[in-house]
Amino acid sequence: MKVTKESLLLYAITDRSWLNGRTLYSQVEEALEGGATFLQLREKNLDDGHFLEEARELQALCRRYGVPFIVNDNVDVALAMGADGIHVGQSDMEAGDVRKLLGPDKILGVSAQTVEQALLAEQRGADYLGVGAVFPTGSKDDADDVSRETLKAICSAVSIPVVAIGGISQNNVMQLKGSGICGIAVISAIFAQKDIKAAAMKLRELTQEMVDGSGE
């Protein structure tokens, strides 16, 4: 499954801290029903056995909806269960090494905060970039703030698609218009909401409007 600009429009990243007695599977299904176009499984505290089991179930679900499924950080799990790809941060395994392990056909996403990081990631085989945090966020403690100027500069410098991440919600997504991004990556804007399906639906609609109005 190859990554396209369209598939990155509404990029959902899981977080089990908002389960409130529900299953991650049911939450992801609601997000997909609402129109999420891409899914990243992000697990910081699960052991590999449970991670693998969960990843397989969620990938099967994503396949039903024709949505790419990738794993955050954990190359071993991604390879073991044949995920569509993996996303790595700047402090994780170097992009070129990940690409060697994945082979040419899997999706490789890389986080970037500067033009230099972005160009290097593209050169090393990244298929898309996640750039942020574009707004203040509580979800990712390690995310440096990225200014609008830097976001635009990264989009102009690379030829691969760029998604913005960090603190994005229905209230501020339109502020990203004209930046050159092709979509947004969100965690709480979908998974912390009472009605996940409705939240995803509204966010997708707004993001489409934002992207269409960006003059790209």
N, C-alpha and C. Protein backbone atom coordinates (compact mmCIF):
# COMPACT_ATOMS: atom_id res chain seq x y z
N MET A 1 0.85 -1.20 0.00
CA MET A 1 0.00 0.00 0.00
C MET A 1 0.88 1.24 0.00
N LYS A 2 0.75 2.05 -1.04
CA LYS A 2 1.59 3.24 -1.14
C LYS A 2 0.89 4.44 -0.50
N VAL A 3 1.68 5.37 -0.05
CA VAL A 3 1.12 6.56 0.58
C VAL A 3 0.83 7.60 -0.50
N THR A 4 -0.35 8.23 -0.40
CA THR A 4 -0.71 9.31 -1.32
C THR A 4 -1.07 10.53 -0.48
N LYS A 5 -1.09 11.70 -1.11
CA LYS A 5 -1.49 12.91 -0.38
C LYS A 5 -2.90 12.75 0.19
N GLU A 6 -3.78 12.14 -0.62
CA GLU A 6 -5.18 11.96 -0.20
C GLU A 6 -5.28 11.06 1.04
N SER A 7 -4.42 10.04 1.10
CA SER A 7 -4.50 9.10 2.22
C SER A 7 -4.02 9.73 3.53
N LEU A 8 -3.33 10.87 3.43
CA LEU A 8 -2.80 11.52 4.64
C LEU A 8 -3.71 12.64 5.15
N LEU A 9 -4.87 12.81 4.55
CA LEU A 9 -5.74 13.93 4.91
C LEU A 9 -6.08 13.97 6.40
N LEU A 10 -6.61 12.86 6.90
CA LEU A 10 -6.95 12.80 8.34
C LEU A 10 -6.26 11.58 8.95
N TYR A 11 -5.13 11.84 9.55
CA TYR A 11 -4.20 10.82 10.04
C TYR A 11 -4.44 10.66 11.54
N ALA A 12 -5.01 9.54 11.93
CA ALA A 12 -5.35 9.30 13.34
C ALA A 12 -4.26 8.49 14.04
N ILE A 13 -3.86 8.96 15.22
CA ILE A 13 -2.84 8.27 16.01
C ILE A 13 -3.49 7.80 17.31
N THR A 14 -3.37 6.52 17.60
CA THR A 14 -4.07 5.97 18.76
C THR A 14 -3.41 6.38 20.07
N ASP A 15 -4.22 6.36 21.11
CA ASP A 15 -3.73 6.63 22.47
C ASP A 15 -4.71 5.99 23.44
N ARG A 16 -4.22 5.00 24.19
CA ARG A 16 -5.16 4.27 25.05
C ARG A 16 -5.50 5.01 26.35
N SER A 17 -4.95 6.21 26.54
CA SER A 17 -5.26 6.92 27.79
C SER A 17 -6.70 7.45 27.82
N TRP A 18 -7.39 7.40 26.67
CA TRP A 18 -8.79 7.87 26.65
C TRP A 18 -9.79 6.74 26.44
N LEU A 19 -9.42 5.53 26.77
CA LEU A 19 -10.33 4.41 26.51
C LEU A 19 -11.59 4.45 27.37
N ASN A 20 -11.46 4.87 28.63
CA ASN A 20 -12.62 4.94 29.54
C ASN A 20 -13.48 3.68 29.50
N GLY A 21 -12.81 2.54 29.63
CA GLY A 21 -13.53 1.28 29.70
C GLY A 21 -13.90 0.69 28.34
N ARG A 22 -13.61 1.41 27.26
CA ARG A 22 -13.91 0.88 25.93
C ARG A 22 -12.65 0.24 25.35
N THR A 23 -12.81 -0.43 24.22
CA THR A 23 -11.63 -1.07 23.61
C THR A 23 -11.04 -0.14 22.54
N LEU A 24 -9.76 -0.28 22.34
CA LEU A 24 -9.09 0.51 21.31
C LEU A 24 -9.68 0.15 19.94
N TYR A 25 -10.00 -1.12 19.77
CA TYR A 25 -10.57 -1.59 18.50
C TYR A 25 -11.86 -0.84 18.16
N SER A 26 -12.75 -0.71 19.15
CA SER A 26 -14.03 -0.04 18.89
C SER A 26 -13.82 1.44 18.61
N GLN A 27 -12.85 2.04 19.30
CA GLN A 27 -12.57 3.47 19.07
C GLN A 27 -12.00 3.69 17.66
N VAL A 28 -11.08 2.82 17.26
CA VAL A 28 -10.49 2.94 15.92
C VAL A 28 -11.57 2.73 14.86
N GLU A 29 -12.47 1.77 15.10
CA GLU A 29 -13.54 1.52 14.13
C GLU A 29 -14.42 2.76 13.96
N GLU A 30 -14.72 3.43 15.08
CA GLU A 30 -15.51 4.67 15.01
C GLU A 30 -14.78 5.75 14.22
N ALA A 31 -13.47 5.85 14.45
CA ALA A 31 -12.66 6.86 13.74
C ALA A 31 -12.67 6.58 12.24
N LEU A 32 -12.58 5.30 11.87
CA LEU A 32 -12.61 4.92 10.45
C LEU A 32 -13.98 5.17 9.84
N GLU A 33 -15.01 4.88 10.61
CA GLU A 33 -16.38 5.16 10.14
C GLU A 33 -16.57 6.65 9.89
N GLY A 34 -15.91 7.45 10.73
CA GLY A 34 -16.03 8.91 10.61
C GLY A 34 -15.17 9.50 9.51
N GLY A 35 -14.30 8.68 8.91
CA GLY A 35 -13.55 9.17 7.77
C GLY A 35 -12.05 9.33 7.97
N ALA A 36 -11.48 8.76 9.04
CA ALA A 36 -10.01 8.79 9.17
C ALA A 36 -9.41 8.09 7.95
N THR A 37 -8.35 8.67 7.39
CA THR A 37 -7.79 8.14 6.13
C THR A 37 -6.48 7.39 6.32
N PHE A 38 -5.96 7.40 7.56
CA PHE A 38 -4.64 6.81 7.83
C PHE A 38 -4.62 6.50 9.32
N LEU A 39 -4.01 5.38 9.72
CA LEU A 39 -3.97 5.06 11.14
C LEU A 39 -2.56 4.66 11.58
N GLN A 40 -2.14 5.29 12.68
CA GLN A 40 -0.87 4.91 13.30
C GLN A 40 -1.16 4.35 14.69
N LEU A 41 -0.65 3.15 14.95
CA LEU A 41 -0.78 2.55 16.27
C LEU A 41 0.41 2.98 17.11
N ARG A 42 0.12 3.73 18.17
CA ARG A 42 1.18 4.25 19.02
C ARG A 42 1.02 3.65 20.41
N GLU A 43 1.95 2.78 20.78
CA GLU A 43 1.91 2.12 22.09
C GLU A 43 3.27 2.27 22.74
N LYS A 44 3.29 2.97 23.87
CA LYS A 44 4.58 3.15 24.54
C LYS A 44 4.80 2.12 25.65
N ASN A 45 3.72 1.52 26.14
CA ASN A 45 3.87 0.68 27.34
C ASN A 45 3.43 -0.78 27.20
N LEU A 46 3.03 -1.20 26.02
CA LEU A 46 2.61 -2.60 25.85
C LEU A 46 3.82 -3.48 25.54
N ASP A 47 3.81 -4.71 26.07
CA ASP A 47 4.89 -5.62 25.70
C ASP A 47 4.67 -6.08 24.26
N ASP A 48 5.72 -6.58 23.62
CA ASP A 48 5.66 -6.91 22.20
C ASP A 48 4.57 -7.93 21.84
N GLY A 49 4.34 -8.88 22.74
CA GLY A 49 3.32 -9.91 22.47
C GLY A 49 1.94 -9.31 22.31
N HIS A 50 1.54 -8.47 23.28
CA HIS A 50 0.22 -7.85 23.22
C HIS A 50 0.15 -6.81 22.10
N PHE A 51 1.26 -6.11 21.91
CA PHE A 51 1.35 -5.11 20.84
C PHE A 51 1.10 -5.78 19.48
N LEU A 52 1.74 -6.92 19.28
CA LEU A 52 1.63 -7.66 18.02
C LEU A 52 0.20 -8.12 17.78
N GLU A 53 -0.41 -8.66 18.82
CA GLU A 53 -1.80 -9.15 18.73
C GLU A 53 -2.74 -8.00 18.36
N GLU A 54 -2.58 -6.88 19.07
CA GLU A 54 -3.42 -5.70 18.84
C GLU A 54 -3.20 -5.15 17.42
N ALA A 55 -1.93 -5.11 17.01
CA ALA A 55 -1.59 -4.58 15.68
C ALA A 55 -2.24 -5.41 14.58
N ARG A 56 -2.23 -6.71 14.74
CA ARG A 56 -2.83 -7.59 13.72
C ARG A 56 -4.34 -7.35 13.60
N GLU A 57 -4.99 -7.22 14.75
CA GLU A 57 -6.45 -6.97 14.76
C GLU A 57 -6.78 -5.63 14.09
N LEU A 58 -6.00 -4.61 14.45
CA LEU A 58 -6.28 -3.28 13.91
C LEU A 58 -5.93 -3.18 12.42
N GLN A 59 -4.89 -3.89 12.02
CA GLN A 59 -4.56 -3.87 10.58
C GLN A 59 -5.69 -4.51 9.77
N ALA A 60 -6.25 -5.61 10.28
CA ALA A 60 -7.36 -6.27 9.58
C ALA A 60 -8.54 -5.31 9.46
N LEU A 61 -8.78 -4.54 10.51
CA LEU A 61 -9.87 -3.55 10.52
C LEU A 61 -9.59 -2.46 9.48
N CYS A 62 -8.36 -1.95 9.47
CA CYS A 62 -7.99 -0.90 8.50
C CYS A 62 -8.10 -1.39 7.07
N ARG A 63 -7.77 -2.67 6.85
CA ARG A 63 -7.88 -3.24 5.51
C ARG A 63 -9.32 -3.20 5.01
N ARG A 64 -10.26 -3.46 5.94
CA ARG A 64 -11.68 -3.42 5.57
C ARG A 64 -12.08 -2.04 5.05
N TYR A 65 -11.43 -1.02 5.60
CA TYR A 65 -11.76 0.36 5.21
C TYR A 65 -10.81 0.91 4.15
N GLY A 66 -9.85 0.09 3.72
CA GLY A 66 -8.90 0.53 2.71
C GLY A 66 -7.98 1.64 3.19
N VAL A 67 -7.67 1.61 4.49
CA VAL A 67 -6.86 2.68 5.10
C VAL A 67 -5.47 2.14 5.48
N PRO A 68 -4.39 2.85 5.13
CA PRO A 68 -3.04 2.38 5.51
C PRO A 68 -2.91 2.28 7.03
N PHE A 69 -2.22 1.22 7.47
CA PHE A 69 -2.00 0.98 8.91
C PHE A 69 -0.50 0.94 9.17
N ILE A 70 -0.02 1.84 10.03
CA ILE A 70 1.40 1.81 10.35
C ILE A 70 1.61 1.80 11.86
N VAL A 71 2.80 1.35 12.23
CA VAL A 71 3.17 1.21 13.64
C VAL A 71 4.16 2.31 14.00
N ASN A 72 4.02 2.84 15.20
CA ASN A 72 4.95 3.86 15.68
C ASN A 72 6.18 3.20 16.30
N ASP A 73 7.36 3.61 15.86
CA ASP A 73 8.64 3.22 16.49
C ASP A 73 9.07 1.76 16.39
N ASN A 74 8.15 0.84 16.64
CA ASN A 74 8.55 -0.55 16.86
C ASN A 74 8.73 -1.32 15.54
N VAL A 75 9.97 -1.29 15.04
CA VAL A 75 10.28 -1.93 13.76
C VAL A 75 10.03 -3.44 13.82
N ASP A 76 10.39 -4.05 14.96
CA ASP A 76 10.22 -5.51 15.10
C ASP A 76 8.76 -5.92 14.94
N VAL A 77 7.86 -5.20 15.62
CA VAL A 77 6.44 -5.51 15.52
C VAL A 77 5.93 -5.25 14.10
N ALA A 78 6.34 -4.13 13.52
CA ALA A 78 5.90 -3.79 12.16
C ALA A 78 6.29 -4.87 11.16
N LEU A 79 7.51 -5.36 11.29
CA LEU A 79 8.00 -6.40 10.37
C LEU A 79 7.32 -7.74 10.65
N ALA A 80 7.15 -8.06 11.95
CA ALA A 80 6.58 -9.36 12.32
C ALA A 80 5.15 -9.52 11.83
N MET A 81 4.38 -8.42 11.82
CA MET A 81 2.98 -8.58 11.44
C MET A 81 2.67 -8.01 10.06
N GLY A 82 3.73 -7.59 9.34
CA GLY A 82 3.51 -7.12 7.98
C GLY A 82 2.69 -5.85 7.89
N ALA A 83 2.97 -4.91 8.79
CA ALA A 83 2.26 -3.62 8.75
C ALA A 83 2.54 -2.93 7.42
N ASP A 84 1.68 -1.98 7.07
CA ASP A 84 1.90 -1.24 5.82
C ASP A 84 3.13 -0.35 5.93
N GLY A 85 3.55 -0.08 7.17
CA GLY A 85 4.75 0.74 7.33
C GLY A 85 5.01 1.11 8.77
N ILE A 86 5.88 2.10 8.95
CA ILE A 86 6.30 2.51 10.30
C ILE A 86 6.57 4.00 10.31
N HIS A 87 6.39 4.59 11.49
CA HIS A 87 6.74 6.01 11.67
C HIS A 87 7.81 6.11 12.75
N VAL A 88 8.87 6.84 12.46
CA VAL A 88 9.94 7.01 13.45
C VAL A 88 10.18 8.50 13.72
N GLY A 89 10.61 8.78 14.95
CA GLY A 89 10.95 10.14 15.34
C GLY A 89 12.44 10.37 15.18
N GLN A 90 12.87 11.58 15.49
CA GLN A 90 14.29 11.91 15.36
C GLN A 90 15.16 11.15 16.35
N SER A 91 14.57 10.76 17.49
CA SER A 91 15.37 10.06 18.50
C SER A 91 15.30 8.54 18.36
N ASP A 92 14.53 8.07 17.37
CA ASP A 92 14.41 6.62 17.14
C ASP A 92 15.47 6.17 16.13
N MET A 93 15.29 4.99 15.60
CA MET A 93 16.24 4.46 14.62
C MET A 93 16.33 5.38 13.40
N GLU A 94 17.52 5.55 12.89
CA GLU A 94 17.76 6.45 11.75
C GLU A 94 16.98 5.97 10.51
N ALA A 95 16.41 6.93 9.79
CA ALA A 95 15.49 6.61 8.69
C ALA A 95 16.10 5.69 7.63
N GLY A 96 17.35 5.91 7.29
CA GLY A 96 18.01 5.07 6.28
C GLY A 96 18.11 3.62 6.72
N ASP A 97 18.40 3.41 8.01
CA ASP A 97 18.48 2.04 8.56
C ASP A 97 17.10 1.38 8.57
N VAL A 98 16.07 2.18 8.90
CA VAL A 98 14.70 1.64 8.91
C VAL A 98 14.30 1.23 7.50
N ARG A 99 14.62 2.08 6.53
CA ARG A 99 14.28 1.78 5.14
C ARG A 99 14.93 0.47 4.68
N LYS A 100 16.18 0.25 5.10
CA LYS A 100 16.88 -1.00 4.74
C LYS A 100 16.13 -2.22 5.28
N LEU A 101 15.66 -2.11 6.53
CA LEU A 101 14.94 -3.22 7.16
C LEU A 101 13.56 -3.43 6.52
N LEU A 102 12.90 -2.33 6.20
CA LEU A 102 11.54 -2.41 5.66
C LEU A 102 11.51 -2.88 4.22
N GLY A 103 12.54 -2.55 3.47
CA GLY A 103 12.51 -2.79 2.03
C GLY A 103 11.84 -1.61 1.33
N PRO A 104 11.80 -1.64 0.00
CA PRO A 104 11.34 -0.48 -0.75
C PRO A 104 9.83 -0.25 -0.77
N ASP A 105 9.05 -1.28 -0.44
CA ASP A 105 7.60 -1.19 -0.67
C ASP A 105 6.77 -0.77 0.53
N LYS A 106 7.37 -0.66 1.69
CA LYS A 106 6.61 -0.28 2.88
C LYS A 106 6.64 1.24 3.07
N ILE A 107 5.65 1.74 3.77
CA ILE A 107 5.56 3.18 4.03
C ILE A 107 6.50 3.56 5.19
N LEU A 108 7.30 4.60 4.98
CA LEU A 108 8.16 5.10 6.05
C LEU A 108 7.84 6.57 6.30
N GLY A 109 7.37 6.85 7.52
CA GLY A 109 7.11 8.22 7.92
C GLY A 109 8.16 8.65 8.93
N VAL A 110 8.57 9.91 8.85
CA VAL A 110 9.60 10.43 9.76
C VAL A 110 9.15 11.77 10.32
N SER A 111 9.38 11.96 11.62
CA SER A 111 9.10 13.26 12.25
C SER A 111 10.23 14.23 11.95
N ALA A 112 9.88 15.48 11.69
CA ALA A 112 10.91 16.49 11.43
C ALA A 112 10.47 17.82 12.03
N GLN A 113 11.45 18.56 12.55
CA GLN A 113 11.16 19.89 13.11
C GLN A 113 11.90 21.00 12.37
N THR A 114 12.84 20.63 11.50
CA THR A 114 13.62 21.64 10.77
C THR A 114 13.72 21.24 9.30
N VAL A 115 14.07 22.21 8.47
CA VAL A 115 14.25 21.94 7.04
C VAL A 115 15.36 20.92 6.83
N GLU A 116 16.44 21.04 7.62
CA GLU A 116 17.57 20.10 7.51
C GLU A 116 17.12 18.67 7.78
N GLN A 117 16.37 18.49 8.88
CA GLN A 117 15.86 17.15 9.22
C GLN A 117 14.95 16.62 8.12
N ALA A 118 14.13 17.50 7.58
CA ALA A 118 13.17 17.11 6.54
C ALA A 118 13.89 16.64 5.27
N LEU A 119 14.88 17.41 4.84
CA LEU A 119 15.62 17.06 3.62
C LEU A 119 16.39 15.75 3.80
N LEU A 120 16.97 15.57 4.98
CA LEU A 120 17.72 14.35 5.26
C LEU A 120 16.78 13.14 5.26
N ALA A 121 15.61 13.29 5.89
CA ALA A 121 14.64 12.19 5.93
C ALA A 121 14.20 11.80 4.52
N GLU A 122 13.94 12.80 3.69
CA GLU A 122 13.53 12.53 2.30
C GLU A 122 14.63 11.78 1.56
N GLN A 123 15.85 12.25 1.74
CA GLN A 123 17.02 11.65 1.09
C GLN A 123 17.22 10.19 1.53
N ARG A 124 16.88 9.91 2.80
CA ARG A 124 17.09 8.56 3.36
C ARG A 124 15.92 7.62 3.10
N GLY A 125 14.92 8.09 2.36
CA GLY A 125 13.85 7.16 1.97
C GLY A 125 12.50 7.35 2.61
N ALA A 126 12.28 8.48 3.31
CA ALA A 126 10.95 8.73 3.91
C ALA A 126 9.92 8.94 2.80
N ASP A 127 8.70 8.43 3.03
CA ASP A 127 7.59 8.62 2.08
C ASP A 127 6.77 9.85 2.42
N TYR A 128 6.76 10.22 3.70
CA TYR A 128 6.05 11.42 4.14
C TYR A 128 6.71 11.92 5.42
N LEU A 129 6.40 13.16 5.79
CA LEU A 129 6.94 13.74 7.03
C LEU A 129 5.80 14.15 7.96
N GLY A 130 6.02 13.97 9.26
CA GLY A 130 5.13 14.51 10.27
C GLY A 130 5.85 15.69 10.91
N VAL A 131 5.29 16.89 10.80
CA VAL A 131 5.98 18.08 11.28
C VAL A 131 5.19 18.74 12.41
N GLY A 132 5.86 18.99 13.52
CA GLY A 132 5.19 19.62 14.66
C GLY A 132 6.10 19.64 15.87
N ALA A 133 5.56 20.19 16.95
CA ALA A 133 4.17 20.52 17.19
C ALA A 133 3.84 21.90 16.64
N VAL A 134 2.73 21.96 15.84
CA VAL A 134 2.35 23.24 15.25
C VAL A 134 1.54 24.11 16.21
N PHE A 135 0.93 23.47 17.22
CA PHE A 135 0.25 24.19 18.29
C PHE A 135 0.67 23.54 19.60
N PRO A 136 0.52 24.23 20.74
CA PRO A 136 0.89 23.60 22.02
C PRO A 136 0.07 22.32 22.23
N THR A 137 0.70 21.29 22.78
CA THR A 137 0.03 19.99 22.93
C THR A 137 0.42 19.31 24.24
N GLY A 138 -0.52 18.52 24.76
CA GLY A 138 -0.21 17.74 25.96
C GLY A 138 0.15 16.31 25.63
N SER A 139 -0.06 15.88 24.38
CA SER A 139 0.11 14.47 24.02
C SER A 139 1.55 14.04 23.86
N LYS A 140 2.38 14.95 23.35
CA LYS A 140 3.76 14.56 23.07
C LYS A 140 4.70 15.50 23.82
N ASP A 141 5.25 15.01 24.91
CA ASP A 141 6.10 15.84 25.76
C ASP A 141 7.37 16.27 25.05
N ASP A 142 7.81 15.46 24.08
CA ASP A 142 9.11 15.73 23.46
C ASP A 142 9.01 16.58 22.19
N ALA A 143 7.80 17.01 21.84
CA ALA A 143 7.64 17.73 20.58
C ALA A 143 8.02 19.19 20.73
N ASP A 144 8.97 19.63 19.94
CA ASP A 144 9.33 21.05 19.93
C ASP A 144 8.29 21.79 19.10
N ASP A 145 8.09 23.06 19.46
CA ASP A 145 7.17 23.86 18.66
C ASP A 145 7.80 24.18 17.31
N VAL A 146 6.95 24.14 16.28
CA VAL A 146 7.39 24.48 14.93
C VAL A 146 6.57 25.68 14.47
N SER A 147 7.24 26.73 14.06
CA SER A 147 6.53 27.94 13.63
C SER A 147 5.88 27.72 12.27
N ARG A 148 4.92 28.58 11.95
CA ARG A 148 4.27 28.51 10.64
C ARG A 148 5.30 28.69 9.52
N GLU A 149 6.26 29.59 9.74
CA GLU A 149 7.30 29.86 8.74
C GLU A 149 8.10 28.57 8.46
N THR A 150 8.47 27.87 9.55
CA THR A 150 9.23 26.62 9.38
C THR A 150 8.40 25.56 8.67
N LEU A 151 7.13 25.47 9.04
CA LEU A 151 6.23 24.49 8.41
C LEU A 151 6.15 24.75 6.91
N LYS A 152 5.97 26.01 6.53
CA LYS A 152 5.90 26.37 5.11
C LYS A 152 7.23 26.08 4.40
N ALA A 153 8.32 26.39 5.09
CA ALA A 153 9.66 26.18 4.51
C ALA A 153 9.91 24.70 4.26
N ILE A 154 9.48 23.84 5.21
CA ILE A 154 9.65 22.39 5.05
C ILE A 154 8.82 21.90 3.86
N CYS A 155 7.57 22.35 3.78
CA CYS A 155 6.69 21.93 2.67
C CYS A 155 7.28 22.34 1.32
N SER A 156 7.90 23.51 1.28
CA SER A 156 8.50 24.00 0.02
C SER A 156 9.79 23.24 -0.31
N ALA A 157 10.52 22.82 0.73
CA ALA A 157 11.85 22.21 0.51
C ALA A 157 11.79 20.76 0.03
N VAL A 158 10.74 20.03 0.41
CA VAL A 158 10.68 18.60 0.07
C VAL A 158 9.62 18.32 -0.99
N SER A 159 9.78 17.19 -1.67
CA SER A 159 8.77 16.82 -2.67
C SER A 159 7.83 15.74 -2.16
N ILE A 160 8.08 15.24 -0.95
CA ILE A 160 7.18 14.23 -0.36
C ILE A 160 6.09 14.95 0.45
N PRO A 161 4.94 14.29 0.69
CA PRO A 161 3.85 14.92 1.43
C PRO A 161 4.23 15.23 2.88
N VAL A 162 3.62 16.28 3.42
CA VAL A 162 3.86 16.70 4.81
C VAL A 162 2.53 16.78 5.54
N VAL A 163 2.47 16.17 6.74
CA VAL A 163 1.30 16.36 7.61
C VAL A 163 1.75 17.14 8.84
N ALA A 164 0.87 18.00 9.30
CA ALA A 164 1.14 18.77 10.52
C ALA A 164 0.61 17.98 11.71
N ILE A 165 1.30 18.09 12.84
CA ILE A 165 0.88 17.39 14.05
C ILE A 165 1.08 18.31 15.26
N GLY A 166 0.31 18.07 16.29
CA GLY A 166 0.54 18.75 17.56
C GLY A 166 -0.51 19.79 17.89
N GLY A 167 -1.42 19.44 18.79
CA GLY A 167 -2.40 20.40 19.30
C GLY A 167 -3.46 20.82 18.30
N ILE A 168 -3.61 20.06 17.21
CA ILE A 168 -4.58 20.47 16.18
C ILE A 168 -5.99 20.03 16.59
N SER A 169 -6.95 20.94 16.41
CA SER A 169 -8.35 20.64 16.76
C SER A 169 -9.27 21.28 15.74
N GLN A 170 -10.56 21.04 15.90
CA GLN A 170 -11.55 21.67 15.01
C GLN A 170 -11.44 23.19 15.07
N ASN A 171 -11.04 23.71 16.24
CA ASN A 171 -11.01 25.16 16.45
C ASN A 171 -9.86 25.86 15.75
N ASN A 172 -8.74 25.14 15.50
CA ASN A 172 -7.58 25.85 14.95
C ASN A 172 -7.08 25.30 13.61
N VAL A 173 -7.72 24.25 13.10
CA VAL A 173 -7.21 23.60 11.88
C VAL A 173 -7.17 24.57 10.68
N MET A 174 -8.12 25.50 10.62
CA MET A 174 -8.15 26.42 9.49
C MET A 174 -6.96 27.39 9.49
N GLN A 175 -6.31 27.54 10.65
CA GLN A 175 -5.13 28.41 10.73
C GLN A 175 -3.95 27.84 9.92
N LEU A 176 -4.05 26.57 9.53
CA LEU A 176 -2.96 25.93 8.78
C LEU A 176 -3.12 26.11 7.27
N LYS A 177 -4.20 26.79 6.86
CA LYS A 177 -4.45 27.02 5.43
C LYS A 177 -3.26 27.76 4.81
N GLY A 178 -2.86 27.31 3.63
CA GLY A 178 -1.78 28.00 2.92
C GLY A 178 -0.38 27.58 3.33
N SER A 179 -0.28 26.60 4.23
CA SER A 179 1.04 26.19 4.70
C SER A 179 1.72 25.18 3.76
N GLY A 180 0.90 24.52 2.93
CA GLY A 180 1.47 23.53 2.00
C GLY A 180 1.31 22.09 2.46
N ILE A 181 0.73 21.89 3.65
CA ILE A 181 0.53 20.52 4.14
C ILE A 181 -0.58 19.83 3.36
N CYS A 182 -0.59 18.49 3.40
CA CYS A 182 -1.66 17.78 2.71
C CYS A 182 -2.62 17.12 3.69
N GLY A 183 -2.37 17.30 4.99
CA GLY A 183 -3.26 16.72 5.98
C GLY A 183 -2.79 17.00 7.38
N ILE A 184 -3.55 16.47 8.35
CA ILE A 184 -3.22 16.68 9.77
C ILE A 184 -3.16 15.33 10.48
N ALA A 185 -2.28 15.24 11.46
CA ALA A 185 -2.21 14.05 12.32
C ALA A 185 -2.71 14.45 13.69
N VAL A 186 -3.68 13.72 14.21
CA VAL A 186 -4.29 14.08 15.49
C VAL A 186 -4.45 12.88 16.40
N ILE A 187 -4.44 13.17 17.69
CA ILE A 187 -4.67 12.13 18.70
C ILE A 187 -5.95 12.49 19.45
N SER A 188 -5.85 13.47 20.36
CA SER A 188 -6.99 13.79 21.22
C SER A 188 -8.17 14.39 20.47
N ALA A 189 -7.92 15.07 19.35
CA ALA A 189 -9.02 15.68 18.59
C ALA A 189 -10.00 14.63 18.09
N ILE A 190 -9.54 13.37 18.03
CA ILE A 190 -10.44 12.26 17.70
C ILE A 190 -10.71 11.39 18.92
N PHE A 191 -9.63 10.84 19.50
CA PHE A 191 -9.82 9.77 20.49
C PHE A 191 -10.23 10.24 21.89
N ALA A 192 -10.10 11.54 22.17
CA ALA A 192 -10.54 12.03 23.49
C ALA A 192 -11.98 12.54 23.43
N GLN A 193 -12.58 12.47 22.26
CA GLN A 193 -13.94 13.00 22.10
C GLN A 193 -15.00 11.96 22.48
N LYS A 194 -16.12 12.45 22.98
CA LYS A 194 -17.21 11.56 23.38
C LYS A 194 -17.77 10.79 22.17
N ASP A 195 -18.00 11.52 21.08
CA ASP A 195 -18.49 10.89 19.86
C ASP A 195 -17.35 10.90 18.83
N ILE A 196 -16.60 9.82 18.81
CA ILE A 196 -15.40 9.74 17.97
C ILE A 196 -15.74 9.82 16.49
N LYS A 197 -16.80 9.14 16.09
CA LYS A 197 -17.18 9.14 14.68
C LYS A 197 -17.53 10.56 14.22
N ALA A 198 -18.34 11.26 15.00
CA ALA A 198 -18.74 12.63 14.64
C ALA A 198 -17.54 13.56 14.62
N ALA A 199 -16.63 13.37 15.58
CA ALA A 199 -15.43 14.23 15.65
C ALA A 199 -14.57 14.03 14.41
N ALA A 200 -14.39 12.77 14.00
CA ALA A 200 -13.58 12.47 12.82
C ALA A 200 -14.23 13.04 11.56
N MET A 201 -15.54 12.91 11.50
CA MET A 201 -16.28 13.40 10.33
C MET A 201 -16.11 14.91 10.16
N LYS A 202 -16.29 15.64 11.26
CA LYS A 202 -16.19 17.10 11.23
C LYS A 202 -14.76 17.54 10.90
N LEU A 203 -13.80 16.86 11.53
CA LEU A 203 -12.39 17.20 11.33
C LEU A 203 -11.97 16.94 9.88
N ARG A 204 -12.47 15.86 9.32
CA ARG A 204 -12.13 15.55 7.92
C ARG A 204 -12.68 16.64 6.98
N GLU A 205 -13.92 17.03 7.26
CA GLU A 205 -14.56 18.07 6.45
C GLU A 205 -13.77 19.39 6.50
N LEU A 206 -13.39 19.79 7.72
CA LEU A 206 -12.63 21.03 7.91
C LEU A 206 -11.24 20.95 7.27
N THR A 207 -10.61 19.79 7.42
CA THR A 207 -9.25 19.62 6.88
C THR A 207 -9.28 19.66 5.36
N GLN A 208 -10.31 19.04 4.77
CA GLN A 208 -10.44 19.07 3.31
C GLN A 208 -10.58 20.52 2.83
N GLU A 209 -11.39 21.27 3.55
CA GLU A 209 -11.61 22.68 3.22
C GLU A 209 -10.30 23.47 3.35
N MET A 210 -9.55 23.18 4.42
CA MET A 210 -8.27 23.86 4.67
C MET A 210 -7.25 23.54 3.55
N VAL A 211 -7.16 22.27 3.19
CA VAL A 211 -6.22 21.85 2.14
C VAL A 211 -6.63 22.42 0.78
N ASP A 212 -7.91 22.35 0.48
CA ASP A 212 -8.40 22.86 -0.81
C ASP A 212 -8.16 24.37 -0.94
N GLY A 213 -8.16 25.04 0.19
CA GLY A 213 -7.98 26.49 0.15
C GLY A 213 -6.54 26.94 0.27
N SER A 214 -5.61 25.98 0.20
CA SER A 214 -4.21 26.33 0.47
C SER A 214 -3.44 26.75 -0.78
N GLY A 215 -4.14 26.73 -1.92
CA GLY A 215 -3.47 27.18 -3.15
C GLY A 215 -2.42 26.21 -3.66
N GLU A 216 -2.52 24.95 -3.17
CA GLU A 216 -1.52 23.95 -3.62
C GLU A 216 -1.89 23.39 -4.97
